[in-house]
Amino acid sequence: MTDGLLLPPGGGRRIQNMTLKAGAEQSTVWSTFEAEIAPGFDVGAHLHDRAEEVFYVLEGELDLLAFQPATRAGGDWRSWESESGAKVMRGGPGSFMFVPAGCPHAFFNPTSEPARMLFLVSPSGHEEYLREIADVLGAGGPPDQAAIAAIRARHDIQQLTPLTVGPRTG
C-alpha cells in the first residue's frame, strides 16, 4: 500500500513561478501545480496531441482560450473566435477551464496584479518541461523563442503564438 501526500499551504517544489504539488514521483496519471501568473505574461496559444489540462483561477484575472479557432488571424489569440461563436473568456476566481488533447488553449494576465491558478496536467511529467522552460526564462532578457519552440516540440506542445513575459496588457 502506498501513502498519499499531504502538503501544508505553500508546500511543494518550486519551479520558477510555480509550485509542483504532485507529479511523476507520486502519480503516473497527472501532475498538479500552483502557479503565479505575472502581469502581462502570455503563455502563447498552443496545443498538446496527447495531454489534457485543467486550469482553476484562484486569485486575479486571466484571459482564457480553450477552443479551435475558425481562423488564426493575426498573432493575438485573444481575438480568435470558434466556428460556433465561442470567444476568449476573462476569468476571475473560481473560473474553470478544461482542455482536451488537441484543443488550442492559452492564458494571459491582462491586469497589473499577479494572478494565481491551480492546474492539472495528464499524463504526469509536465514538471520536466517546466524545468526546461524555467531555465530559458531565467537566463534574462527576452525569451529565446527558438529554444522555447525546441523544448515544446520535445514535450508534445505545438506552439501557435509566441510566449511573452512582457508588460502586454489590455
N, C-alpha and C. Protein backbone atom coordinates (compact mmCIF):
# COMPACT_ATOMS: atom_id res chain seq x y z
N MET A 1 0.85 -1.19 0.00
CA MET A 1 0.00 0.00 0.00
C MET A 1 0.89 1.24 0.00
N THR A 2 0.48 2.23 -0.77
CA THR A 2 1.23 3.48 -0.89
C THR A 2 0.54 4.58 -0.10
N ASP A 3 1.34 5.36 0.59
CA ASP A 3 0.78 6.51 1.31
C ASP A 3 0.43 7.62 0.33
N GLY A 4 -0.50 8.45 0.72
CA GLY A 4 -0.85 9.62 -0.05
C GLY A 4 0.13 10.75 0.25
N LEU A 5 -0.21 11.93 -0.17
CA LEU A 5 0.64 13.10 0.01
C LEU A 5 -0.19 14.20 0.64
N LEU A 6 0.33 14.80 1.68
CA LEU A 6 -0.34 15.92 2.33
C LEU A 6 0.67 17.04 2.46
N LEU A 7 0.38 18.17 1.86
CA LEU A 7 1.27 19.33 1.89
C LEU A 7 0.63 20.47 2.66
N PRO A 8 1.41 21.21 3.44
CA PRO A 8 0.88 22.41 4.09
C PRO A 8 0.74 23.53 3.05
N PRO A 9 0.02 24.60 3.38
CA PRO A 9 -0.06 25.73 2.45
C PRO A 9 1.34 26.18 2.04
N GLY A 10 1.52 26.39 0.75
CA GLY A 10 2.82 26.80 0.22
C GLY A 10 3.77 25.64 0.01
N GLY A 11 3.38 24.42 0.39
CA GLY A 11 4.25 23.26 0.25
C GLY A 11 4.38 22.81 -1.18
N GLY A 12 5.44 22.09 -1.45
CA GLY A 12 5.72 21.58 -2.78
C GLY A 12 7.09 22.05 -3.24
N ARG A 13 7.43 21.74 -4.46
CA ARG A 13 8.74 22.08 -5.02
C ARG A 13 8.61 23.22 -6.02
N ARG A 14 9.35 24.31 -5.79
CA ARG A 14 9.29 25.50 -6.66
C ARG A 14 9.97 25.22 -7.99
N ILE A 15 9.32 25.64 -9.06
CA ILE A 15 9.87 25.67 -10.41
C ILE A 15 9.54 27.05 -10.94
N GLN A 16 10.45 27.98 -10.77
CA GLN A 16 10.30 29.39 -11.10
C GLN A 16 9.05 29.96 -10.44
N ASN A 17 8.01 30.32 -11.19
CA ASN A 17 6.82 30.94 -10.61
C ASN A 17 5.74 29.91 -10.27
N MET A 18 6.10 28.64 -10.23
CA MET A 18 5.13 27.58 -9.97
C MET A 18 5.60 26.72 -8.82
N THR A 19 4.64 26.07 -8.19
CA THR A 19 4.95 25.10 -7.15
C THR A 19 4.36 23.76 -7.57
N LEU A 20 5.23 22.78 -7.78
CA LEU A 20 4.78 21.42 -8.08
C LEU A 20 4.19 20.84 -6.81
N LYS A 21 2.93 20.49 -6.86
CA LYS A 21 2.26 19.89 -5.70
C LYS A 21 2.41 18.36 -5.73
N ALA A 22 2.17 17.76 -6.88
CA ALA A 22 2.35 16.31 -7.06
C ALA A 22 2.63 16.07 -8.53
N GLY A 23 3.56 15.17 -8.82
CA GLY A 23 3.94 14.91 -10.20
C GLY A 23 4.26 13.45 -10.43
N ALA A 24 5.18 13.22 -11.35
CA ALA A 24 5.51 11.86 -11.77
C ALA A 24 6.04 11.01 -10.62
N GLU A 25 6.62 11.63 -9.59
CA GLU A 25 7.09 10.86 -8.44
C GLU A 25 5.94 10.26 -7.65
N GLN A 26 4.76 10.89 -7.73
CA GLN A 26 3.61 10.42 -6.97
C GLN A 26 2.57 9.72 -7.85
N SER A 27 2.51 10.06 -9.15
CA SER A 27 1.42 9.58 -9.99
C SER A 27 1.89 9.36 -11.42
N THR A 28 1.37 8.34 -12.06
CA THR A 28 1.62 8.15 -13.49
C THR A 28 0.52 8.83 -14.31
N VAL A 29 -0.51 9.30 -13.63
CA VAL A 29 -1.70 9.81 -14.30
C VAL A 29 -1.65 11.33 -14.51
N TRP A 30 -1.20 12.12 -13.51
CA TRP A 30 -1.26 13.57 -13.62
C TRP A 30 -0.21 14.25 -12.77
N SER A 31 0.04 15.51 -13.10
CA SER A 31 0.87 16.42 -12.30
C SER A 31 0.01 17.63 -11.97
N THR A 32 0.22 18.18 -10.76
CA THR A 32 -0.56 19.35 -10.32
C THR A 32 0.37 20.44 -9.85
N PHE A 33 0.04 21.69 -10.22
CA PHE A 33 0.86 22.85 -9.91
C PHE A 33 -0.01 23.99 -9.41
N GLU A 34 0.58 24.82 -8.55
CA GLU A 34 0.01 26.12 -8.24
C GLU A 34 0.93 27.12 -8.92
N ALA A 35 0.35 28.05 -9.68
CA ALA A 35 1.16 28.99 -10.47
C ALA A 35 0.77 30.42 -10.18
N GLU A 36 1.79 31.28 -10.12
CA GLU A 36 1.56 32.72 -10.07
C GLU A 36 1.85 33.25 -11.47
N ILE A 37 0.87 33.97 -12.02
CA ILE A 37 0.97 34.50 -13.38
C ILE A 37 1.20 36.00 -13.28
N ALA A 38 2.37 36.44 -13.68
CA ALA A 38 2.74 37.85 -13.58
C ALA A 38 1.91 38.71 -14.54
N PRO A 39 1.72 39.97 -14.21
CA PRO A 39 1.04 40.88 -15.13
C PRO A 39 1.73 40.87 -16.50
N GLY A 40 0.93 40.77 -17.56
CA GLY A 40 1.46 40.78 -18.92
C GLY A 40 1.98 39.45 -19.42
N PHE A 41 2.02 38.42 -18.55
CA PHE A 41 2.52 37.12 -19.01
C PHE A 41 1.50 36.46 -19.93
N ASP A 42 1.95 35.99 -21.10
CA ASP A 42 1.11 35.29 -22.08
C ASP A 42 1.81 33.99 -22.41
N VAL A 43 1.22 32.86 -22.02
CA VAL A 43 1.83 31.56 -22.29
C VAL A 43 1.89 31.28 -23.78
N GLY A 44 1.11 32.00 -24.58
CA GLY A 44 1.04 31.77 -26.03
C GLY A 44 0.10 30.62 -26.32
N ALA A 45 -0.67 30.77 -27.38
CA ALA A 45 -1.59 29.69 -27.77
C ALA A 45 -0.77 28.49 -28.22
N HIS A 46 -1.21 27.32 -27.77
CA HIS A 46 -0.53 26.08 -28.10
C HIS A 46 -1.50 24.93 -27.93
N LEU A 47 -1.07 23.73 -28.31
CA LEU A 47 -1.89 22.55 -28.11
C LEU A 47 -0.98 21.35 -27.84
N HIS A 48 -1.58 20.32 -27.25
CA HIS A 48 -0.90 19.06 -26.96
C HIS A 48 -1.64 17.96 -27.71
N ASP A 49 -0.92 17.08 -28.38
CA ASP A 49 -1.57 15.97 -29.07
C ASP A 49 -2.11 14.93 -28.09
N ARG A 50 -1.43 14.76 -26.94
CA ARG A 50 -1.82 13.70 -26.01
C ARG A 50 -2.29 14.20 -24.65
N ALA A 51 -1.77 15.32 -24.18
CA ALA A 51 -2.06 15.78 -22.82
C ALA A 51 -3.41 16.49 -22.71
N GLU A 52 -4.01 16.36 -21.54
CA GLU A 52 -5.20 17.12 -21.16
C GLU A 52 -4.83 18.00 -19.98
N GLU A 53 -5.49 19.16 -19.87
CA GLU A 53 -5.19 20.08 -18.79
C GLU A 53 -6.47 20.65 -18.19
N VAL A 54 -6.37 20.99 -16.91
CA VAL A 54 -7.43 21.68 -16.18
C VAL A 54 -6.79 22.90 -15.53
N PHE A 55 -7.45 24.07 -15.66
CA PHE A 55 -6.99 25.31 -15.05
C PHE A 55 -8.10 25.83 -14.15
N TYR A 56 -7.75 26.25 -12.94
CA TYR A 56 -8.72 26.80 -11.99
C TYR A 56 -8.13 28.08 -11.42
N VAL A 57 -8.77 29.21 -11.69
CA VAL A 57 -8.27 30.50 -11.22
C VAL A 57 -8.57 30.65 -9.74
N LEU A 58 -7.52 30.94 -8.96
CA LEU A 58 -7.65 31.13 -7.51
C LEU A 58 -7.77 32.60 -7.14
N GLU A 59 -6.93 33.45 -7.77
CA GLU A 59 -6.91 34.89 -7.50
C GLU A 59 -6.60 35.64 -8.79
N GLY A 60 -7.12 36.85 -8.89
CA GLY A 60 -6.83 37.70 -10.04
C GLY A 60 -7.70 37.35 -11.23
N GLU A 61 -7.25 37.80 -12.41
CA GLU A 61 -7.99 37.57 -13.65
C GLU A 61 -7.04 37.07 -14.72
N LEU A 62 -7.56 36.18 -15.57
CA LEU A 62 -6.82 35.67 -16.71
C LEU A 62 -7.73 35.63 -17.92
N ASP A 63 -7.19 35.98 -19.09
CA ASP A 63 -7.89 35.73 -20.34
C ASP A 63 -7.61 34.28 -20.69
N LEU A 64 -8.66 33.53 -21.02
CA LEU A 64 -8.56 32.09 -21.23
C LEU A 64 -9.08 31.71 -22.61
N LEU A 65 -8.35 30.84 -23.28
CA LEU A 65 -8.74 30.30 -24.59
C LEU A 65 -8.76 28.79 -24.48
N ALA A 66 -9.84 28.15 -24.95
CA ALA A 66 -9.92 26.69 -25.00
C ALA A 66 -10.90 26.28 -26.09
N PHE A 67 -10.55 26.56 -27.34
CA PHE A 67 -11.38 26.15 -28.47
C PHE A 67 -10.55 26.20 -29.75
N GLN A 68 -11.05 25.51 -30.75
CA GLN A 68 -10.44 25.53 -32.07
C GLN A 68 -10.91 26.80 -32.79
N PRO A 69 -10.01 27.71 -33.14
CA PRO A 69 -10.45 28.94 -33.80
C PRO A 69 -10.89 28.68 -35.24
N ALA A 70 -11.87 29.46 -35.70
CA ALA A 70 -12.31 29.36 -37.09
C ALA A 70 -11.15 29.76 -38.01
N THR A 71 -10.45 30.82 -37.63
CA THR A 71 -9.23 31.24 -38.32
C THR A 71 -8.25 31.74 -37.27
N ARG A 72 -6.99 31.66 -37.60
CA ARG A 72 -5.95 32.15 -36.69
C ARG A 72 -5.40 33.46 -37.23
N ALA A 73 -6.28 34.42 -37.39
CA ALA A 73 -5.89 35.71 -37.95
C ALA A 73 -5.02 36.47 -36.96
N GLY A 74 -3.91 36.96 -37.43
CA GLY A 74 -3.04 37.76 -36.59
C GLY A 74 -2.35 36.94 -35.52
N GLY A 75 -1.44 37.57 -34.82
CA GLY A 75 -0.67 36.89 -33.80
C GLY A 75 -1.29 36.94 -32.43
N ASP A 76 -2.43 37.62 -32.27
CA ASP A 76 -3.05 37.76 -30.96
C ASP A 76 -4.23 36.81 -30.84
N TRP A 77 -4.02 35.72 -30.09
CA TRP A 77 -5.07 34.72 -29.93
C TRP A 77 -6.29 35.26 -29.22
N ARG A 78 -6.16 36.38 -28.53
CA ARG A 78 -7.30 36.93 -27.78
C ARG A 78 -8.41 37.44 -28.69
N SER A 79 -8.12 37.56 -29.99
CA SER A 79 -9.16 37.98 -30.94
C SER A 79 -9.79 36.79 -31.67
N TRP A 80 -9.33 35.58 -31.39
CA TRP A 80 -9.85 34.40 -32.07
C TRP A 80 -11.29 34.11 -31.66
N GLU A 81 -11.99 33.44 -32.56
CA GLU A 81 -13.37 33.01 -32.33
C GLU A 81 -13.54 31.64 -32.96
N SER A 82 -14.37 30.79 -32.35
CA SER A 82 -14.61 29.46 -32.90
C SER A 82 -15.71 29.50 -33.95
N GLU A 83 -15.87 28.42 -34.67
CA GLU A 83 -16.95 28.30 -35.67
C GLU A 83 -18.32 28.51 -35.02
N SER A 84 -18.46 28.07 -33.76
CA SER A 84 -19.75 28.18 -33.07
C SER A 84 -19.93 29.52 -32.36
N GLY A 85 -18.93 30.42 -32.46
CA GLY A 85 -19.05 31.73 -31.84
C GLY A 85 -18.38 31.87 -30.48
N ALA A 86 -17.73 30.80 -29.99
CA ALA A 86 -17.02 30.90 -28.71
C ALA A 86 -15.89 31.91 -28.83
N LYS A 87 -15.70 32.69 -27.77
CA LYS A 87 -14.66 33.70 -27.73
C LYS A 87 -13.83 33.51 -26.47
N VAL A 88 -12.70 34.19 -26.45
CA VAL A 88 -11.84 34.18 -25.27
C VAL A 88 -12.63 34.74 -24.09
N MET A 89 -12.45 34.11 -22.92
CA MET A 89 -13.19 34.49 -21.72
C MET A 89 -12.23 35.14 -20.73
N ARG A 90 -12.68 36.18 -20.07
CA ARG A 90 -11.92 36.73 -18.95
C ARG A 90 -12.44 36.06 -17.69
N GLY A 91 -11.57 35.30 -17.03
CA GLY A 91 -11.98 34.54 -15.87
C GLY A 91 -11.36 35.07 -14.59
N GLY A 92 -12.17 35.14 -13.55
CA GLY A 92 -11.70 35.52 -12.23
C GLY A 92 -11.72 34.33 -11.30
N PRO A 93 -11.59 34.57 -10.00
CA PRO A 93 -11.57 33.48 -9.03
C PRO A 93 -12.76 32.54 -9.20
N GLY A 94 -12.45 31.24 -9.24
CA GLY A 94 -13.49 30.23 -9.42
C GLY A 94 -13.69 29.83 -10.87
N SER A 95 -13.09 30.54 -11.82
CA SER A 95 -13.21 30.17 -13.23
C SER A 95 -12.46 28.87 -13.48
N PHE A 96 -13.06 28.01 -14.29
CA PHE A 96 -12.54 26.67 -14.56
C PHE A 96 -12.41 26.48 -16.06
N MET A 97 -11.30 25.89 -16.50
CA MET A 97 -11.11 25.62 -17.92
C MET A 97 -10.57 24.20 -18.08
N PHE A 98 -11.26 23.40 -18.88
CA PHE A 98 -10.79 22.06 -19.23
C PHE A 98 -10.31 22.10 -20.67
N VAL A 99 -9.15 21.49 -20.94
CA VAL A 99 -8.58 21.47 -22.28
C VAL A 99 -8.33 20.02 -22.69
N PRO A 100 -9.15 19.50 -23.62
CA PRO A 100 -8.89 18.13 -24.09
C PRO A 100 -7.67 18.10 -25.02
N ALA A 101 -7.12 16.92 -25.22
CA ALA A 101 -5.98 16.76 -26.12
C ALA A 101 -6.36 17.29 -27.50
N GLY A 102 -5.43 18.01 -28.12
CA GLY A 102 -5.64 18.55 -29.47
C GLY A 102 -6.34 19.89 -29.53
N CYS A 103 -6.77 20.42 -28.39
CA CYS A 103 -7.51 21.69 -28.36
C CYS A 103 -6.54 22.87 -28.13
N PRO A 104 -6.53 23.86 -29.03
CA PRO A 104 -5.72 25.06 -28.78
C PRO A 104 -6.17 25.74 -27.49
N HIS A 105 -5.18 26.22 -26.73
CA HIS A 105 -5.50 26.89 -25.47
C HIS A 105 -4.38 27.86 -25.11
N ALA A 106 -4.73 28.80 -24.22
CA ALA A 106 -3.77 29.80 -23.77
C ALA A 106 -4.33 30.50 -22.55
N PHE A 107 -3.43 31.20 -21.84
CA PHE A 107 -3.86 32.10 -20.78
C PHE A 107 -2.94 33.31 -20.77
N PHE A 108 -3.49 34.43 -20.33
CA PHE A 108 -2.78 35.71 -20.32
C PHE A 108 -3.29 36.51 -19.14
N ASN A 109 -2.37 37.17 -18.43
CA ASN A 109 -2.77 38.05 -17.33
C ASN A 109 -2.86 39.47 -17.86
N PRO A 110 -4.09 40.00 -18.06
CA PRO A 110 -4.27 41.33 -18.65
C PRO A 110 -4.21 42.46 -17.62
N THR A 111 -4.01 42.14 -16.35
CA THR A 111 -4.10 43.15 -15.30
C THR A 111 -2.71 43.59 -14.83
N SER A 112 -2.69 44.52 -13.91
CA SER A 112 -1.43 44.99 -13.33
C SER A 112 -1.10 44.25 -12.02
N GLU A 113 -1.90 43.24 -11.68
CA GLU A 113 -1.70 42.46 -10.46
C GLU A 113 -1.43 40.99 -10.82
N PRO A 114 -0.63 40.28 -10.03
CA PRO A 114 -0.43 38.85 -10.29
C PRO A 114 -1.75 38.08 -10.14
N ALA A 115 -1.85 37.00 -10.86
CA ALA A 115 -2.98 36.07 -10.72
C ALA A 115 -2.39 34.74 -10.22
N ARG A 116 -3.24 33.94 -9.60
CA ARG A 116 -2.83 32.61 -9.16
C ARG A 116 -3.82 31.59 -9.69
N MET A 117 -3.29 30.44 -10.09
CA MET A 117 -4.17 29.37 -10.55
C MET A 117 -3.60 28.03 -10.14
N LEU A 118 -4.48 27.06 -10.09
CA LEU A 118 -4.13 25.67 -9.89
C LEU A 118 -4.30 25.01 -11.24
N PHE A 119 -3.31 24.22 -11.66
CA PHE A 119 -3.54 23.48 -12.89
C PHE A 119 -3.03 22.06 -12.80
N LEU A 120 -3.74 21.21 -13.51
CA LEU A 120 -3.52 19.77 -13.51
C LEU A 120 -3.26 19.34 -14.95
N VAL A 121 -2.24 18.51 -15.15
CA VAL A 121 -1.88 18.02 -16.48
C VAL A 121 -1.85 16.50 -16.45
N SER A 122 -2.47 15.89 -17.44
CA SER A 122 -2.44 14.43 -17.57
C SER A 122 -1.96 14.08 -18.97
N PRO A 123 -0.97 13.19 -19.11
CA PRO A 123 -0.32 12.39 -18.08
C PRO A 123 0.69 13.20 -17.27
N SER A 124 1.24 12.57 -16.24
CA SER A 124 2.20 13.23 -15.36
C SER A 124 3.51 13.46 -16.11
N GLY A 125 4.37 14.27 -15.50
CA GLY A 125 5.69 14.54 -16.06
C GLY A 125 5.86 15.94 -16.61
N HIS A 126 4.81 16.76 -16.60
CA HIS A 126 4.87 18.11 -17.14
C HIS A 126 5.93 18.96 -16.41
N GLU A 127 6.29 18.54 -15.20
CA GLU A 127 7.29 19.27 -14.44
C GLU A 127 8.65 19.28 -15.14
N GLU A 128 8.97 18.26 -15.93
CA GLU A 128 10.23 18.24 -16.67
C GLU A 128 10.24 19.35 -17.72
N TYR A 129 9.15 19.50 -18.43
CA TYR A 129 9.00 20.59 -19.39
C TYR A 129 9.16 21.95 -18.70
N LEU A 130 8.47 22.12 -17.57
CA LEU A 130 8.52 23.41 -16.88
C LEU A 130 9.92 23.74 -16.36
N ARG A 131 10.67 22.74 -15.94
CA ARG A 131 12.06 22.98 -15.50
C ARG A 131 12.90 23.49 -16.68
N GLU A 132 12.73 22.89 -17.85
CA GLU A 132 13.49 23.32 -19.02
C GLU A 132 13.11 24.74 -19.43
N ILE A 133 11.81 25.05 -19.43
CA ILE A 133 11.35 26.40 -19.78
C ILE A 133 11.86 27.41 -18.74
N ALA A 134 11.84 27.04 -17.46
CA ALA A 134 12.32 27.94 -16.41
C ALA A 134 13.78 28.30 -16.64
N ASP A 135 14.58 27.35 -17.10
CA ASP A 135 15.98 27.64 -17.39
C ASP A 135 16.12 28.68 -18.49
N VAL A 136 15.31 28.58 -19.53
CA VAL A 136 15.36 29.55 -20.64
C VAL A 136 14.88 30.92 -20.16
N LEU A 137 13.76 30.96 -19.44
CA LEU A 137 13.22 32.24 -18.98
C LEU A 137 14.10 32.87 -17.92
N GLY A 138 14.81 32.06 -17.14
CA GLY A 138 15.68 32.57 -16.09
C GLY A 138 16.99 33.13 -16.61
N ALA A 139 17.25 32.99 -17.91
CA ALA A 139 18.50 33.47 -18.49
C ALA A 139 18.53 34.99 -18.62
N GLY A 140 17.39 35.64 -18.44
CA GLY A 140 17.32 37.09 -18.56
C GLY A 140 17.10 37.52 -20.00
N GLY A 141 16.62 38.74 -20.16
CA GLY A 141 16.34 39.26 -21.50
C GLY A 141 15.07 38.67 -22.07
N PRO A 142 14.77 39.01 -23.33
CA PRO A 142 13.58 38.47 -23.97
C PRO A 142 13.69 36.94 -24.11
N PRO A 143 12.57 36.24 -24.02
CA PRO A 143 12.63 34.78 -24.14
C PRO A 143 13.20 34.37 -25.50
N ASP A 144 14.06 33.36 -25.50
CA ASP A 144 14.62 32.79 -26.73
C ASP A 144 13.53 31.90 -27.35
N GLN A 145 12.81 32.45 -28.34
CA GLN A 145 11.66 31.74 -28.91
C GLN A 145 12.08 30.43 -29.59
N ALA A 146 13.26 30.38 -30.19
CA ALA A 146 13.73 29.14 -30.83
C ALA A 146 13.97 28.06 -29.78
N ALA A 147 14.57 28.44 -28.66
CA ALA A 147 14.81 27.47 -27.58
C ALA A 147 13.49 26.99 -27.00
N ILE A 148 12.55 27.92 -26.81
CA ILE A 148 11.24 27.54 -26.28
C ILE A 148 10.53 26.59 -27.24
N ALA A 149 10.57 26.89 -28.54
CA ALA A 149 9.93 26.02 -29.54
C ALA A 149 10.55 24.61 -29.53
N ALA A 150 11.87 24.53 -29.39
CA ALA A 150 12.54 23.22 -29.37
C ALA A 150 12.14 22.43 -28.13
N ILE A 151 12.08 23.09 -26.98
CA ILE A 151 11.66 22.42 -25.75
C ILE A 151 10.22 21.94 -25.88
N ARG A 152 9.37 22.81 -26.37
CA ARG A 152 7.96 22.43 -26.51
C ARG A 152 7.78 21.27 -27.48
N ALA A 153 8.52 21.26 -28.57
CA ALA A 153 8.41 20.16 -29.54
C ALA A 153 8.78 18.82 -28.89
N ARG A 154 9.75 18.83 -27.98
CA ARG A 154 10.15 17.60 -27.29
C ARG A 154 9.11 17.13 -26.28
N HIS A 155 8.21 18.04 -25.89
CA HIS A 155 7.26 17.72 -24.82
C HIS A 155 5.80 17.76 -25.28
N ASP A 156 5.53 17.38 -26.53
CA ASP A 156 4.14 17.27 -27.02
C ASP A 156 3.41 18.61 -27.00
N ILE A 157 4.11 19.69 -27.34
CA ILE A 157 3.48 21.01 -27.36
C ILE A 157 3.73 21.66 -28.72
N GLN A 158 2.65 21.95 -29.43
CA GLN A 158 2.74 22.66 -30.71
C GLN A 158 2.43 24.12 -30.44
N GLN A 159 3.41 24.98 -30.60
CA GLN A 159 3.26 26.42 -30.34
C GLN A 159 2.53 27.08 -31.51
N LEU A 160 1.49 27.85 -31.21
CA LEU A 160 0.72 28.55 -32.24
C LEU A 160 1.01 30.05 -32.26
N THR A 161 1.22 30.64 -31.08
CA THR A 161 1.62 32.05 -30.96
C THR A 161 2.73 32.12 -29.92
N PRO A 162 3.56 33.16 -29.94
CA PRO A 162 4.71 33.21 -29.03
C PRO A 162 4.34 33.39 -27.56
N LEU A 163 5.20 32.86 -26.70
CA LEU A 163 5.16 33.13 -25.28
C LEU A 163 5.74 34.53 -25.07
N THR A 164 5.08 35.35 -24.26
CA THR A 164 5.63 36.68 -23.93
C THR A 164 5.61 36.87 -22.42
N VAL A 165 6.68 37.39 -21.90
CA VAL A 165 6.80 37.62 -20.48
C VAL A 165 6.34 39.03 -20.17
N GLY A 166 6.35 39.87 -21.11
CA GLY A 166 6.32 41.27 -21.09
C GLY A 166 5.30 42.08 -20.47
N PRO A 167 5.20 43.34 -20.54
CA PRO A 167 4.08 44.06 -19.94
C PRO A 167 2.93 44.25 -20.90
N ARG A 168 2.62 43.25 -21.71
CA ARG A 168 1.48 43.33 -22.64
C ARG A 168 0.20 43.26 -21.84
N THR A 169 -0.57 44.31 -21.78
CA THR A 169 -1.83 44.31 -21.01
C THR A 169 -2.96 44.76 -21.91
N GLY A 170 -4.18 44.62 -21.36
CA GLY A 170 -5.28 45.18 -22.09
C GLY A 170 -6.32 44.24 -22.44
